N, C-alpha and C. Protein backbone atom coordinates (compact mmCIF):
# COMPACT_ATOMS: atom_id res chain seq x y z
N MET A 1 26.64 -15.48 -33.70
CA MET A 1 27.37 -14.46 -32.65
C MET A 1 26.92 -13.31 -32.81
N GLN A 2 26.85 -12.76 -34.10
CA GLN A 2 26.70 -11.59 -34.60
C GLN A 2 25.25 -11.03 -34.09
N ALA A 3 24.32 -11.89 -33.95
CA ALA A 3 22.85 -11.57 -33.75
C ALA A 3 22.87 -11.43 -32.21
N SER A 4 23.59 -12.06 -31.35
CA SER A 4 23.79 -12.08 -29.86
C SER A 4 24.25 -10.65 -29.62
N ARG A 5 25.40 -10.38 -30.11
CA ARG A 5 25.92 -9.09 -30.02
C ARG A 5 24.94 -7.83 -30.18
N ARG A 6 24.31 -7.97 -31.30
CA ARG A 6 23.22 -6.86 -31.72
C ARG A 6 22.17 -6.89 -30.69
N SER A 7 21.62 -8.03 -30.33
CA SER A 7 20.59 -8.16 -29.41
C SER A 7 20.96 -7.60 -27.96
N PHE A 8 22.23 -7.94 -27.57
CA PHE A 8 22.67 -7.09 -26.27
C PHE A 8 22.92 -5.72 -26.46
N LEU A 9 23.28 -5.21 -27.48
CA LEU A 9 23.44 -3.93 -27.55
C LEU A 9 22.13 -3.12 -27.66
N ILE A 10 21.13 -3.66 -28.29
CA ILE A 10 19.91 -3.09 -28.38
C ILE A 10 19.23 -3.10 -27.03
N LEU A 11 19.46 -4.30 -26.13
CA LEU A 11 18.77 -4.32 -24.98
C LEU A 11 19.51 -3.40 -24.00
N SER A 12 20.80 -3.23 -24.15
CA SER A 12 21.62 -2.39 -23.25
C SER A 12 21.16 -1.03 -23.54
N ALA A 13 21.02 -0.69 -24.88
CA ALA A 13 20.74 0.83 -25.12
C ALA A 13 19.07 1.14 -24.49
N GLY A 14 18.28 0.07 -24.60
CA GLY A 14 16.98 0.23 -24.22
C GLY A 14 16.86 0.56 -22.54
N MET A 15 17.80 -0.32 -21.98
CA MET A 15 17.93 -0.13 -20.28
C MET A 15 18.30 1.19 -19.96
N VAL A 16 19.32 1.78 -20.68
CA VAL A 16 19.80 3.09 -20.37
C VAL A 16 18.77 4.13 -20.64
N SER A 17 18.20 4.10 -21.76
CA SER A 17 17.23 4.98 -22.10
C SER A 17 16.02 5.00 -21.15
N SER A 18 15.72 3.81 -20.66
CA SER A 18 14.51 3.75 -19.53
C SER A 18 15.06 4.24 -18.44
N LEU A 19 16.28 4.05 -17.78
CA LEU A 19 16.85 4.62 -16.69
C LEU A 19 16.87 6.19 -16.75
N ALA A 20 17.21 6.87 -18.02
CA ALA A 20 17.08 8.22 -17.93
C ALA A 20 15.86 8.84 -18.09
N LEU A 21 15.18 7.92 -18.73
CA LEU A 21 13.58 8.53 -18.58
C LEU A 21 12.97 8.63 -17.23
N SER A 22 13.32 7.50 -16.59
CA SER A 22 12.73 7.41 -15.26
C SER A 22 13.37 8.48 -14.13
N ARG A 23 14.62 8.79 -14.44
CA ARG A 23 15.16 9.81 -13.68
C ARG A 23 14.70 11.32 -13.99
N ALA A 24 14.19 11.57 -15.39
CA ALA A 24 13.56 12.48 -15.87
C ALA A 24 12.12 12.81 -15.17
N ALA A 25 11.42 11.68 -15.09
CA ALA A 25 10.14 11.59 -14.52
C ALA A 25 10.14 12.03 -13.21
N ILE A 26 11.22 11.51 -12.31
CA ILE A 26 11.25 11.78 -10.91
C ILE A 26 11.61 13.21 -10.72
N ALA A 27 12.48 13.84 -11.65
CA ALA A 27 12.78 15.35 -11.48
C ALA A 27 11.64 16.05 -11.70
N ASP A 28 10.80 15.63 -12.46
CA ASP A 28 9.45 16.50 -12.83
C ASP A 28 8.30 16.19 -11.68
N ALA A 29 8.45 15.22 -10.71
CA ALA A 29 7.57 14.89 -9.85
C ALA A 29 7.20 15.92 -8.78
N PRO A 30 6.10 16.14 -8.45
CA PRO A 30 5.68 17.21 -7.51
C PRO A 30 6.49 17.05 -6.08
N LYS A 31 6.88 18.12 -5.55
CA LYS A 31 7.42 18.21 -4.21
C LYS A 31 6.42 18.23 -3.10
N LEU A 32 6.78 17.46 -2.19
CA LEU A 32 5.95 17.28 -0.78
C LEU A 32 6.10 18.50 -0.11
N THR A 33 4.90 19.11 0.27
CA THR A 33 4.90 20.31 1.27
C THR A 33 4.62 19.83 2.59
N GLU A 34 5.06 20.76 3.53
CA GLU A 34 4.76 20.40 4.98
C GLU A 34 3.18 20.45 5.27
N ASP A 35 2.54 21.09 4.39
CA ASP A 35 1.03 21.03 4.75
C ASP A 35 0.30 20.20 4.08
N ASP A 36 0.92 19.43 3.43
CA ASP A 36 0.29 17.96 2.72
C ASP A 36 -0.34 17.14 3.79
N PRO A 37 -1.52 16.65 3.78
CA PRO A 37 -2.07 15.86 4.83
C PRO A 37 -1.15 14.62 5.48
N ALA A 38 -0.58 13.86 4.27
CA ALA A 38 0.30 12.95 4.63
C ALA A 38 1.54 13.48 5.38
N ALA A 39 2.11 14.44 4.83
CA ALA A 39 3.26 15.02 5.56
C ALA A 39 2.92 15.38 6.74
N GLN A 40 1.71 15.97 7.11
CA GLN A 40 1.39 16.44 8.61
C GLN A 40 1.24 15.33 9.53
N LYS A 41 0.42 14.02 9.09
CA LYS A 41 0.47 12.84 9.63
C LYS A 41 1.93 12.29 10.20
N LEU A 42 3.02 12.53 9.44
CA LEU A 42 4.23 11.90 9.71
C LEU A 42 5.31 12.88 10.17
N GLY A 43 4.74 14.06 10.46
CA GLY A 43 5.59 15.39 10.91
C GLY A 43 6.73 15.79 10.07
N TYR A 44 6.47 15.72 8.60
CA TYR A 44 7.59 15.85 7.73
C TYR A 44 7.84 17.46 7.89
N ARG A 45 9.17 17.64 7.87
CA ARG A 45 9.79 18.85 7.63
C ARG A 45 10.62 18.99 6.62
N LEU A 46 10.62 20.31 5.98
CA LEU A 46 11.44 20.31 4.72
C LEU A 46 12.96 20.46 5.12
N ASP A 47 13.33 20.69 6.25
CA ASP A 47 14.63 21.02 6.73
C ASP A 47 14.71 20.48 8.17
N ALA A 48 15.49 19.24 8.22
CA ALA A 48 15.39 18.61 9.59
C ALA A 48 16.04 19.62 10.54
N ALA A 49 16.81 20.58 10.29
CA ALA A 49 17.34 21.52 11.43
C ALA A 49 16.30 22.22 12.00
N LYS A 50 15.25 22.29 11.21
CA LYS A 50 13.96 23.04 11.98
C LYS A 50 13.00 22.35 12.65
N VAL A 51 13.27 20.94 12.90
CA VAL A 51 12.54 20.09 13.51
C VAL A 51 12.26 20.63 15.17
N ASP A 52 10.89 20.40 15.68
CA ASP A 52 10.82 21.00 16.89
C ASP A 52 10.97 19.62 17.92
N ARG A 53 12.07 19.70 18.54
CA ARG A 53 12.56 18.48 19.22
C ARG A 53 11.61 18.30 20.40
N ALA A 54 10.97 19.19 20.99
CA ALA A 54 9.90 18.92 22.03
C ALA A 54 8.67 18.15 21.45
N LYS A 55 8.27 18.46 20.12
CA LYS A 55 7.13 17.95 19.49
C LYS A 55 7.43 16.38 18.85
N PHE A 56 8.73 16.43 18.57
CA PHE A 56 9.28 15.02 17.93
C PHE A 56 10.49 14.60 18.51
N PRO A 57 10.23 13.94 19.79
CA PRO A 57 11.54 13.49 20.56
C PRO A 57 12.24 12.50 19.96
N SER A 58 11.64 11.77 18.92
CA SER A 58 12.43 10.77 18.06
C SER A 58 13.37 11.19 17.29
N TRP A 59 13.32 12.49 16.86
CA TRP A 59 14.41 13.08 16.03
C TRP A 59 15.78 13.09 16.57
N ALA A 60 16.84 12.81 15.99
CA ALA A 60 18.33 12.85 16.27
C ALA A 60 19.14 13.69 15.44
N ALA A 61 20.09 14.23 15.88
CA ALA A 61 20.92 14.97 15.10
C ALA A 61 21.64 14.24 14.00
N GLY A 62 21.57 14.68 12.77
CA GLY A 62 22.16 13.93 11.63
C GLY A 62 21.29 13.20 10.81
N GLN A 63 19.80 13.08 11.36
CA GLN A 63 18.92 12.32 10.57
C GLN A 63 18.19 13.15 9.47
N THR A 64 18.38 12.73 8.53
CA THR A 64 17.48 13.54 7.09
C THR A 64 17.12 12.59 6.31
N CYS A 65 16.28 13.05 5.37
CA CYS A 65 15.84 12.06 4.16
C CYS A 65 16.86 11.38 3.60
N SER A 66 17.90 12.11 3.16
CA SER A 66 18.82 11.61 2.28
C SER A 66 19.55 10.49 3.03
N ASN A 67 19.68 10.30 4.46
CA ASN A 67 20.16 9.08 4.95
C ASN A 67 19.28 8.04 5.48
N CYS A 68 18.01 8.33 5.10
CA CYS A 68 16.76 7.38 5.72
C CYS A 68 16.66 6.16 4.57
N SER A 69 16.57 4.91 4.99
CA SER A 69 16.63 3.80 4.10
C SER A 69 15.41 3.95 3.09
N LEU A 70 14.31 4.60 3.53
CA LEU A 70 13.24 5.04 2.53
C LEU A 70 13.40 5.99 1.38
N PHE A 71 14.55 6.73 1.53
CA PHE A 71 14.76 7.63 0.42
C PHE A 71 15.31 6.87 -0.84
N GLN A 72 14.57 7.57 -1.90
CA GLN A 72 14.91 6.98 -3.19
C GLN A 72 15.71 7.95 -4.20
N GLY A 73 16.19 8.62 -3.58
CA GLY A 73 17.01 9.77 -4.40
C GLY A 73 18.51 9.29 -4.45
N GLY A 74 19.30 9.98 -5.01
CA GLY A 74 20.86 9.72 -5.10
C GLY A 74 21.56 10.59 -3.99
N ALA A 75 22.77 10.36 -3.65
CA ALA A 75 23.34 10.84 -2.66
C ALA A 75 23.51 12.44 -2.84
N SER A 76 23.58 12.70 -4.00
CA SER A 76 23.63 14.25 -4.19
C SER A 76 22.52 14.96 -4.64
N ASP A 77 21.27 14.24 -4.67
CA ASP A 77 20.21 14.96 -4.93
C ASP A 77 19.37 15.70 -4.07
N PRO A 78 18.88 16.96 -4.57
CA PRO A 78 18.22 17.70 -3.45
C PRO A 78 16.94 17.22 -3.12
N TYR A 79 16.33 16.44 -4.05
CA TYR A 79 15.05 15.89 -3.62
C TYR A 79 15.14 14.47 -4.29
N GLY A 80 14.22 13.63 -3.81
CA GLY A 80 14.16 12.31 -4.10
C GLY A 80 12.74 11.72 -3.65
N GLY A 81 12.55 10.46 -4.27
CA GLY A 81 11.29 9.74 -3.96
C GLY A 81 11.55 9.35 -2.46
N CYS A 82 10.19 8.86 -2.20
CA CYS A 82 10.12 8.22 -0.70
C CYS A 82 9.10 7.05 -0.91
N ALA A 83 9.40 5.99 -0.07
CA ALA A 83 8.36 4.87 -0.20
C ALA A 83 7.18 5.27 0.28
N LEU A 84 6.99 6.27 1.26
CA LEU A 84 5.87 6.51 1.97
C LEU A 84 5.13 7.59 1.41
N PHE A 85 5.58 8.34 0.63
CA PHE A 85 4.88 9.52 -0.01
C PHE A 85 4.35 9.43 -1.65
N GLY A 86 4.42 8.37 -2.30
CA GLY A 86 3.93 7.84 -3.44
C GLY A 86 4.74 8.71 -4.62
N PRO A 87 4.03 9.55 -5.47
CA PRO A 87 4.92 10.22 -6.42
C PRO A 87 5.37 11.42 -5.88
N LYS A 88 5.44 11.97 -4.95
CA LYS A 88 5.72 13.21 -4.41
C LYS A 88 7.16 12.93 -3.84
N GLN A 89 8.00 14.06 -4.08
CA GLN A 89 9.49 14.05 -3.89
C GLN A 89 9.53 14.58 -2.34
N VAL A 90 10.50 14.04 -1.62
CA VAL A 90 10.95 14.70 -0.53
C VAL A 90 12.33 15.43 -0.46
N ALA A 91 12.40 16.46 0.36
CA ALA A 91 13.74 17.18 0.37
C ALA A 91 14.85 16.17 0.89
N ALA A 92 15.94 16.16 0.46
CA ALA A 92 16.99 15.26 0.99
C ALA A 92 17.32 15.79 2.21
N ARG A 93 17.35 17.21 2.54
CA ARG A 93 17.67 17.48 3.88
C ARG A 93 16.31 17.59 4.86
N GLY A 94 15.24 17.19 4.45
CA GLY A 94 14.02 17.16 5.32
C GLY A 94 14.28 15.94 6.24
N TRP A 95 12.91 15.62 6.93
CA TRP A 95 12.77 14.76 7.96
C TRP A 95 11.45 14.45 8.28
N CYS A 96 11.22 13.06 8.68
CA CYS A 96 9.88 12.79 9.09
C CYS A 96 9.81 11.73 10.20
N THR A 97 8.80 11.34 10.95
CA THR A 97 8.89 10.55 12.04
C THR A 97 9.19 9.07 11.67
N SER A 98 8.96 8.89 10.45
CA SER A 98 9.35 7.52 10.10
C SER A 98 10.72 7.21 9.54
N TRP A 99 11.56 8.13 9.98
CA TRP A 99 13.00 7.90 9.51
C TRP A 99 13.36 6.82 10.05
N THR A 100 14.32 5.97 9.15
CA THR A 100 14.66 4.60 9.38
C THR A 100 16.13 4.54 9.06
N ASN A 101 16.77 4.18 9.93
CA ASN A 101 18.48 3.76 9.75
C ASN A 101 18.86 3.04 8.27
N SER A 102 19.54 3.59 7.62
CA SER A 102 19.79 2.92 6.25
C SER A 102 20.79 1.91 6.38
């Protein structure tokens, strides 16, 4: 019984450390810019409030990266990962044409 408890504690500590390290790695990841070729292809904007509605008619009020199902950040994170942009972080208040209801 003692060995099982010890194994559990070691495993739990390792998982917590891994999570903390992965959050730190995400925080250090480069930020996506609007002039990045992938960003331009998908109409990415750092601020959804500045989306050109004539150029991007699919945009709707309230759509931001933070409420897109592809966003991989926390609810209060200013930046987070995105399934579309690899290691680059997107602005939580940003937007692109691939916005998907979460």
